[in-house]
Amino acid sequence: MLYFIIGLSAGVISGMGIGGGTILIPALVLFSPLTQQQAQGINLVVFLPAAISALIIHHKNKNLKYKMTLPIVLTGIVGAVGGSILAVYVSPGFLKKLFGIFLFIVGLVELFSKGKSNH
């Protein structure tokens, strides 16, 4: 039941465009015997169907600007390959700390942002 709740929470957050990994990775590391690298690998597998589903809905609602996607996708692929190679060689403890720092910084940015709206 715990994994169901974790998956549902990550899916909802992912569908909103926030990134389900912010829920899924820490939850898997804290509540399962998985290492940080394993949790991140699972997150990538879970991300694909969630992203495709969200993409279809956002496309139907005309929330996509396709001219911006090509450079973002290409540099994202380069970053993903480099990051995944790096993650294999970094210790799980250090990777966990880096991810925690990342989440902390994202949280601070969200907490202190001026609440910009695109409406």
C-alpha atoms as a PDB file:
ATOM      1  CA  MET A   1       0.000   0.000   0.000  1.00  0.00           C
ATOM      2  CA  LEU A   2       2.895   2.364   0.764  1.00  0.00           C
ATOM      3  CA  TYR A   3       4.310   2.013  -2.760  1.00  0.00           C
ATOM      4  CA  PHE A   4       0.835   2.687  -4.192  1.00  0.00           C
ATOM      5  CA  ILE A   5       0.588   5.952  -2.224  1.00  0.00           C
ATOM      6  CA  ILE A   6       4.121   6.948  -3.235  1.00  0.00           C
ATOM      7  CA  GLY A   7       3.371   6.214  -6.912  1.00  0.00           C
ATOM      8  CA  LEU A   8       0.053   8.066  -6.857  1.00  0.00           C
ATOM      9  CA  SER A   9       1.605  11.110  -5.187  1.00  0.00           C
ATOM     10  CA  ALA A  10       4.501  11.149  -7.640  1.00  0.00           C
ATOM     11  CA  GLY A  11       2.100  10.778 -10.578  1.00  0.00           C
ATOM     12  CA  VAL A  12      -0.080  13.689  -9.485  1.00  0.00           C
ATOM     13  CA  ILE A  13       2.950  15.925  -8.949  1.00  0.00           C
ATOM     14  CA  SER A  14       4.428  14.804 -12.274  1.00  0.00           C
ATOM     15  CA  GLY A  15       1.197  15.535 -14.133  1.00  0.00           C
ATOM     16  CA  MET A  16       1.223  19.051 -12.727  1.00  0.00           C
ATOM     17  CA  GLY A  17       4.651  19.547 -14.319  1.00  0.00           C
ATOM     18  CA  ILE A  18       6.510  19.858 -11.045  1.00  0.00           C
ATOM     19  CA  GLY A  19       8.439  16.613 -11.345  1.00  0.00           C
ATOM     20  CA  GLY A  20       7.362  13.423  -9.634  1.00  0.00           C
ATOM     21  CA  GLY A  21      10.967  12.620  -8.778  1.00  0.00           C
ATOM     22  CA  THR A  22      10.848  15.210  -6.024  1.00  0.00           C
ATOM     23  CA  ILE A  23       8.425  12.873  -4.238  1.00  0.00           C
ATOM     24  CA  LEU A  24       9.377   9.481  -5.659  1.00  0.00           C
ATOM     25  CA  ILE A  25      13.143   9.478  -5.115  1.00  0.00           C
ATOM     26  CA  PRO A  26      13.196  10.582  -1.467  1.00  0.00           C
ATOM     27  CA  ALA A  27      10.240   8.309  -0.638  1.00  0.00           C
ATOM     28  CA  LEU A  28      11.909   5.266  -2.200  1.00  0.00           C
ATOM     29  CA  VAL A  29      15.200   5.981  -0.448  1.00  0.00           C
ATOM     30  CA  LEU A  30      13.507   6.521   2.917  1.00  0.00           C
ATOM     31  CA  PHE A  31      10.865   3.776   2.832  1.00  0.00           C
ATOM     32  CA  SER A  32      12.507   0.988   0.821  1.00  0.00           C
ATOM     33  CA  PRO A  33      15.865  -0.785   0.788  1.00  0.00           C
ATOM     34  CA  LEU A  34      16.868   0.924  -2.488  1.00  0.00           C
ATOM     35  CA  THR A  35      20.025   2.971  -2.978  1.00  0.00           C
ATOM     36  CA  GLN A  36      19.909   6.510  -4.354  1.00  0.00           C
ATOM     37  CA  GLN A  37      21.019   5.298  -7.796  1.00  0.00           C
ATOM     38  CA  GLN A  38      18.328   2.594  -7.855  1.00  0.00           C
ATOM     39  CA  ALA A  39      15.639   5.083  -6.828  1.00  0.00           C
ATOM     40  CA  GLN A  40      16.759   7.468  -9.557  1.00  0.00           C
ATOM     41  CA  GLY A  41      16.706   4.650 -12.120  1.00  0.00           C
ATOM     42  CA  ILE A  42      13.179   3.681 -11.095  1.00  0.00           C
ATOM     43  CA  ASN A  43      12.191   7.345 -11.302  1.00  0.00           C
ATOM     44  CA  LEU A  44      13.349   7.448 -14.923  1.00  0.00           C
ATOM     45  CA  VAL A  45      11.288   4.378 -15.833  1.00  0.00           C
ATOM     46  CA  VAL A  46       8.224   5.763 -14.038  1.00  0.00           C
ATOM     47  CA  PHE A  47       8.769   9.158 -15.656  1.00  0.00           C
ATOM     48  CA  LEU A  48       8.231   7.946 -19.225  1.00  0.00           C
ATOM     49  CA  PRO A  49       4.544   6.914 -19.109  1.00  0.00           C
ATOM     50  CA  ALA A  50       3.716   9.773 -16.733  1.00  0.00           C
ATOM     51  CA  ALA A  51       5.400  12.272 -19.057  1.00  0.00           C
ATOM     52  CA  ILE A  52       3.659  10.876 -22.143  1.00  0.00           C
ATOM     53  CA  SER A  53       0.261  11.081 -20.430  1.00  0.00           C
ATOM     54  CA  ALA A  54       0.885  14.642 -19.236  1.00  0.00           C
ATOM     55  CA  LEU A  55       2.239  15.614 -22.665  1.00  0.00           C
ATOM     56  CA  ILE A  56      -0.956  14.478 -24.381  1.00  0.00           C
ATOM     57  CA  ILE A  57      -3.116  16.497 -22.002  1.00  0.00           C
ATOM     58  CA  HIS A  58      -0.925  19.607 -22.228  1.00  0.00           C
ATOM     59  CA  HIS A  59      -0.917  19.304 -26.044  1.00  0.00           C
ATOM     60  CA  LYS A  60      -4.730  19.157 -26.082  1.00  0.00           C
ATOM     61  CA  ASN A  61      -4.855  22.277 -23.892  1.00  0.00           C
ATOM     62  CA  LYS A  62      -2.351  24.078 -26.169  1.00  0.00           C
ATOM     63  CA  ASN A  63       0.167  24.586 -23.363  1.00  0.00           C
ATOM     64  CA  LEU A  64       3.200  23.710 -25.501  1.00  0.00           C
ATOM     65  CA  LYS A  65       5.514  25.995 -27.487  1.00  0.00           C
ATOM     66  CA  TYR A  66       7.113  23.613 -29.964  1.00  0.00           C
ATOM     67  CA  LYS A  67       9.764  26.063 -31.257  1.00  0.00           C
ATOM     68  CA  MET A  68      11.354  26.054 -27.793  1.00  0.00           C
ATOM     69  CA  THR A  69      11.421  22.285 -27.422  1.00  0.00           C
ATOM     70  CA  LEU A  70      14.205  21.254 -29.836  1.00  0.00           C
ATOM     71  CA  PRO A  71      17.093  23.086 -28.143  1.00  0.00           C
ATOM     72  CA  ILE A  72      15.810  22.099 -24.712  1.00  0.00           C
ATOM     73  CA  VAL A  73      15.413  18.441 -25.705  1.00  0.00           C
ATOM     74  CA  LEU A  74      18.863  18.257 -27.321  1.00  0.00           C
ATOM     75  CA  THR A  75      20.691  19.828 -24.393  1.00  0.00           C
ATOM     76  CA  GLY A  76      18.552  17.789 -21.994  1.00  0.00           C
ATOM     77  CA  ILE A  77      19.681  14.573 -23.673  1.00  0.00           C
ATOM     78  CA  VAL A  78      23.332  15.611 -23.377  1.00  0.00           C
ATOM     79  CA  GLY A  79      22.817  16.502 -19.711  1.00  0.00           C
ATOM     80  CA  ALA A  80      20.961  13.268 -19.001  1.00  0.00           C
ATOM     81  CA  VAL A  81      23.692  11.116 -20.526  1.00  0.00           C
ATOM     82  CA  GLY A  82      26.403  13.015 -18.672  1.00  0.00           C
ATOM     83  CA  GLY A  83      24.494  12.989 -15.400  1.00  0.00           C
ATOM     84  CA  SER A  84      23.709   9.291 -15.560  1.00  0.00           C
ATOM     85  CA  ILE A  85      27.336   8.418 -16.292  1.00  0.00           C
ATOM     86  CA  LEU A  86      28.413  10.596 -13.376  1.00  0.00           C
ATOM     87  CA  ALA A  87      25.784   9.067 -11.054  1.00  0.00           C
ATOM     88  CA  VAL A  88      27.216   5.586 -11.614  1.00  0.00           C
ATOM     89  CA  TYR A  89      30.605   6.669 -10.249  1.00  0.00           C
ATOM     90  CA  VAL A  90      29.382   8.758  -7.297  1.00  0.00           C
ATOM     91  CA  SER A  91      28.742   7.066  -3.961  1.00  0.00           C
ATOM     92  CA  PRO A  92      25.055   6.661  -2.992  1.00  0.00           C
ATOM     93  CA  GLY A  93      25.595   8.725   0.177  1.00  0.00           C
ATOM     94  CA  PHE A  94      27.134  11.656  -1.685  1.00  0.00           C
ATOM     95  CA  LEU A  95      24.460  11.479  -4.386  1.00  0.00           C
ATOM     96  CA  LYS A  96      21.772  11.498  -1.689  1.00  0.00           C
ATOM     97  CA  LYS A  97      23.323  14.638  -0.169  1.00  0.00           C
ATOM     98  CA  LEU A  98      23.516  16.370  -3.555  1.00  0.00           C
ATOM     99  CA  PHE A  99      19.873  15.558  -4.245  1.00  0.00           C
ATOM    100  CA  GLY A 100      18.898  16.835  -0.793  1.00  0.00           C
ATOM    101  CA  ILE A 101      20.748  20.107  -1.408  1.00  0.00           C
ATOM    102  CA  PHE A 102      19.021  20.421  -4.775  1.00  0.00           C
ATOM    103  CA  LEU A 103      15.585  19.901  -3.213  1.00  0.00           C
ATOM    104  CA  PHE A 104      16.405  22.395  -0.450  1.00  0.00           C
ATOM    105  CA  ILE A 105      17.407  25.061  -2.993  1.00  0.00           C
ATOM    106  CA  VAL A 106      14.288  24.429  -5.079  1.00  0.00           C
ATOM    107  CA  GLY A 107      12.195  24.720  -1.929  1.00  0.00           C
ATOM    108  CA  LEU A 108      13.818  28.035  -0.993  1.00  0.00           C
ATOM    109  CA  VAL A 109      13.287  29.427  -4.480  1.00  0.00           C
ATOM    110  CA  GLU A 110       9.620  28.431  -4.375  1.00  0.00           C
ATOM    111  CA  LEU A 111       9.188  29.782  -0.858  1.00  0.00           C
ATOM    112  CA  PHE A 112      10.669  33.181  -1.647  1.00  0.00           C
ATOM    113  CA  SER A 113       9.459  33.632  -5.232  1.00  0.00           C
ATOM    114  CA  LYS A 114       7.094  36.503  -5.842  1.00  0.00           C
ATOM    115  CA  GLY A 115       4.282  34.203  -7.036  1.00  0.00           C
ATOM    116  CA  LYS A 116       4.588  35.035 -10.730  1.00  0.00           C
ATOM    117  CA  SER A 117       1.540  34.075 -12.752  1.00  0.00           C
ATOM    118  CA  ASN A 118       1.337  33.406 -16.474  1.00  0.00           C
ATOM    119  CA  HIS A 119      -2.379  34.235 -16.659  1.00  0.00           C
END
